[in-house]
Amino acid sequence: MLTCVRVDPGMALISPDKDQLVIFACFSIAWLMALLQKGAFSFQGVGVRFYGRERIDDGYIATKWLTAGFPLLPIRSYVVAHTIHGASRGEFEYQENAMQPVEGYFHWPQILRTGLISYATISWCLGCLWLMFNSGCR
């Protein structure tokens, strides 16, 4: 394992066997909290944001996503009638909407479009990092 600081492998705070369980539990708790949150709040790109804006007769359809710089997990799609309150000040963003959940929980065309763009960008960035560290230039 590559680290900047040499440490004894037995000094891990969390057992390497339980890392994936802890990550899954953290994402599950964050997803549930975001589902219960009425609006969307993010600080420096980490939190909950609305993505997509497909116009319909009653307003538009937007999907609430759990984000960490990029949309990571979709939470739920909504029909947004109008924005009640919104604020954006560089490092934080808050938005509260008059909205109703869409039938079927998710608006799949929007989820697939946002997910494809997000995950393709993440994959490209990770691929560039992998090439940089494995190019043999040391």
Protein backbone atom coordinates (compact mmCIF):
# COMPACT_ATOMS: atom_id res chain seq x y z
CA MET A 1 0.00 0.00 0.00
CA LEU A 2 1.34 3.43 -0.97
CA THR A 3 1.25 6.08 1.74
CA CYS A 4 3.23 9.21 2.48
CA VAL A 5 4.00 8.06 6.01
CA ARG A 6 5.46 4.67 6.86
CA VAL A 7 3.22 2.93 9.38
CA ASP A 8 2.92 -0.52 10.84
CA PRO A 9 0.14 -2.46 9.04
CA GLY A 10 -1.27 -3.48 12.44
CA MET A 11 -1.93 0.17 13.34
CA ALA A 12 -5.05 0.62 11.18
CA LEU A 13 -7.92 2.40 12.93
CA ILE A 14 -10.45 0.24 11.13
CA SER A 15 -9.82 -3.33 10.11
CA PRO A 16 -9.18 -3.49 6.35
CA ASP A 17 -11.81 -6.25 6.23
CA LYS A 18 -14.46 -3.82 7.48
CA ASP A 19 -13.59 -0.83 5.28
CA GLN A 20 -16.26 -1.62 2.68
CA LEU A 21 -18.89 -2.15 5.37
CA VAL A 22 -18.08 1.23 6.95
CA ILE A 23 -18.19 2.97 3.54
CA PHE A 24 -21.56 1.35 2.73
CA ALA A 25 -22.95 2.34 6.15
CA CYS A 26 -21.80 5.97 5.73
CA PHE A 27 -23.34 6.25 2.24
CA SER A 28 -26.57 4.63 3.49
CA ILE A 29 -26.90 7.06 6.40
CA ALA A 30 -26.08 10.05 4.16
CA TRP A 31 -28.63 8.89 1.56
CA LEU A 32 -31.36 8.46 4.20
CA MET A 33 -30.63 11.88 5.74
CA ALA A 34 -30.74 13.49 2.28
CA LEU A 35 -34.06 11.78 1.51
CA LEU A 36 -35.57 13.22 4.70
CA GLN A 37 -34.13 16.69 4.07
CA LYS A 38 -36.75 19.03 2.59
CA GLY A 39 -34.39 21.17 0.55
CA ALA A 40 -30.91 20.75 -0.82
CA PHE A 41 -27.74 22.02 0.85
CA SER A 42 -24.13 21.63 -0.22
CA PHE A 43 -20.91 23.09 1.14
CA GLN A 44 -17.98 23.29 -1.28
CA GLY A 45 -19.75 20.80 -3.57
CA VAL A 46 -20.35 18.19 -0.86
CA GLY A 47 -23.93 17.53 0.22
CA VAL A 48 -27.20 17.43 -1.70
CA ARG A 49 -28.00 19.22 -4.98
CA PHE A 50 -30.67 19.17 -7.66
CA TYR A 51 -29.58 18.18 -11.16
CA GLY A 52 -31.60 18.26 -14.35
CA ARG A 53 -34.34 20.59 -15.49
CA GLU A 54 -36.77 18.90 -17.86
CA ARG A 55 -39.69 21.23 -18.58
CA ILE A 56 -43.24 19.90 -18.14
CA ASP A 57 -46.66 21.60 -17.84
CA ASP A 58 -46.54 21.84 -14.02
CA GLY A 59 -42.96 23.20 -13.82
CA TYR A 60 -39.91 21.00 -14.32
CA ILE A 61 -38.48 17.65 -13.23
CA ALA A 62 -35.27 17.69 -11.19
CA THR A 63 -33.46 14.92 -9.35
CA LYS A 64 -31.94 15.32 -5.91
CA TRP A 65 -28.41 13.81 -5.78
CA LEU A 66 -25.92 13.09 -3.01
CA THR A 67 -22.75 14.86 -4.17
CA ALA A 68 -19.05 15.05 -3.42
CA GLY A 69 -17.94 17.40 -6.17
CA PHE A 70 -19.82 15.15 -8.63
CA PRO A 71 -23.29 13.61 -8.41
CA LEU A 72 -22.74 10.24 -6.72
CA LEU A 73 -26.09 8.73 -5.71
CA PRO A 74 -29.56 9.73 -6.88
CA ILE A 75 -31.99 10.27 -4.02
CA ARG A 76 -35.34 11.01 -5.64
CA SER A 77 -36.84 12.80 -8.64
CA TYR A 78 -39.35 15.61 -8.11
CA VAL A 79 -41.73 17.79 -10.08
CA VAL A 80 -40.68 21.28 -9.02
CA ALA A 81 -43.39 23.94 -9.31
CA HIS A 82 -41.16 26.84 -8.23
CA THR A 83 -38.23 27.71 -5.98
CA ILE A 84 -39.32 29.01 -2.56
CA HIS A 85 -35.89 30.04 -1.35
CA GLY A 86 -32.42 29.69 -2.78
CA ALA A 87 -29.01 31.02 -1.86
CA SER A 88 -25.59 30.54 -3.38
CA ARG A 89 -22.50 32.19 -1.98
CA GLY A 90 -19.48 30.64 -3.65
CA GLU A 91 -18.76 27.87 -1.20
CA PHE A 92 -22.30 26.95 -0.14
CA GLU A 93 -25.58 26.47 -1.95
CA TYR A 94 -29.08 26.12 -0.52
CA GLN A 95 -32.34 25.56 -2.36
CA GLU A 96 -35.88 24.90 -1.12
CA ASN A 97 -38.59 24.16 -3.66
CA ALA A 98 -42.35 23.68 -3.86
CA MET A 99 -42.25 20.14 -5.22
CA GLN A 100 -43.96 16.76 -5.43
CA PRO A 101 -42.25 13.37 -5.92
CA VAL A 102 -42.57 11.91 -9.41
CA GLU A 103 -44.43 8.66 -9.95
CA GLY A 104 -42.08 5.71 -9.95
CA TYR A 105 -39.55 7.33 -7.59
CA PHE A 106 -37.00 8.22 -10.30
CA HIS A 107 -37.14 9.92 -13.69
CA TRP A 108 -34.84 7.42 -15.40
CA PRO A 109 -33.82 9.40 -18.53
CA GLN A 110 -32.54 12.20 -16.28
CA ILE A 111 -30.83 9.77 -13.86
CA LEU A 112 -29.07 7.95 -16.72
CA ARG A 113 -27.95 11.18 -18.43
CA THR A 114 -26.58 12.74 -15.21
CA GLY A 115 -25.03 9.47 -14.04
CA LEU A 116 -23.35 8.80 -17.39
CA ILE A 117 -21.78 12.26 -17.50
CA SER A 118 -20.73 12.13 -13.84
CA TYR A 119 -19.30 8.60 -13.80
CA ALA A 120 -17.58 9.06 -17.17
CA THR A 121 -15.85 12.19 -15.82
CA ILE A 122 -14.84 10.41 -12.61
CA SER A 123 -13.50 7.44 -14.61
CA TRP A 124 -11.54 9.73 -16.91
CA CYS A 125 -9.98 11.56 -13.93
CA LEU A 126 -9.08 8.30 -12.18
CA GLY A 127 -7.63 6.96 -15.44
CA CYS A 128 -5.46 10.06 -15.79
CA LEU A 129 -4.23 9.64 -12.20
CA TRP A 130 -3.51 5.96 -12.81
CA LEU A 131 -1.50 6.82 -15.95
CA MET A 132 0.38 9.54 -14.10
CA PHE A 133 1.42 7.23 -11.25
CA ASN A 134 2.12 4.19 -13.47
CA SER A 135 3.89 5.85 -16.39
CA GLY A 136 7.35 4.87 -15.16
CA CYS A 137 8.51 8.49 -14.85
CA ARG A 138 9.92 8.66 -11.36
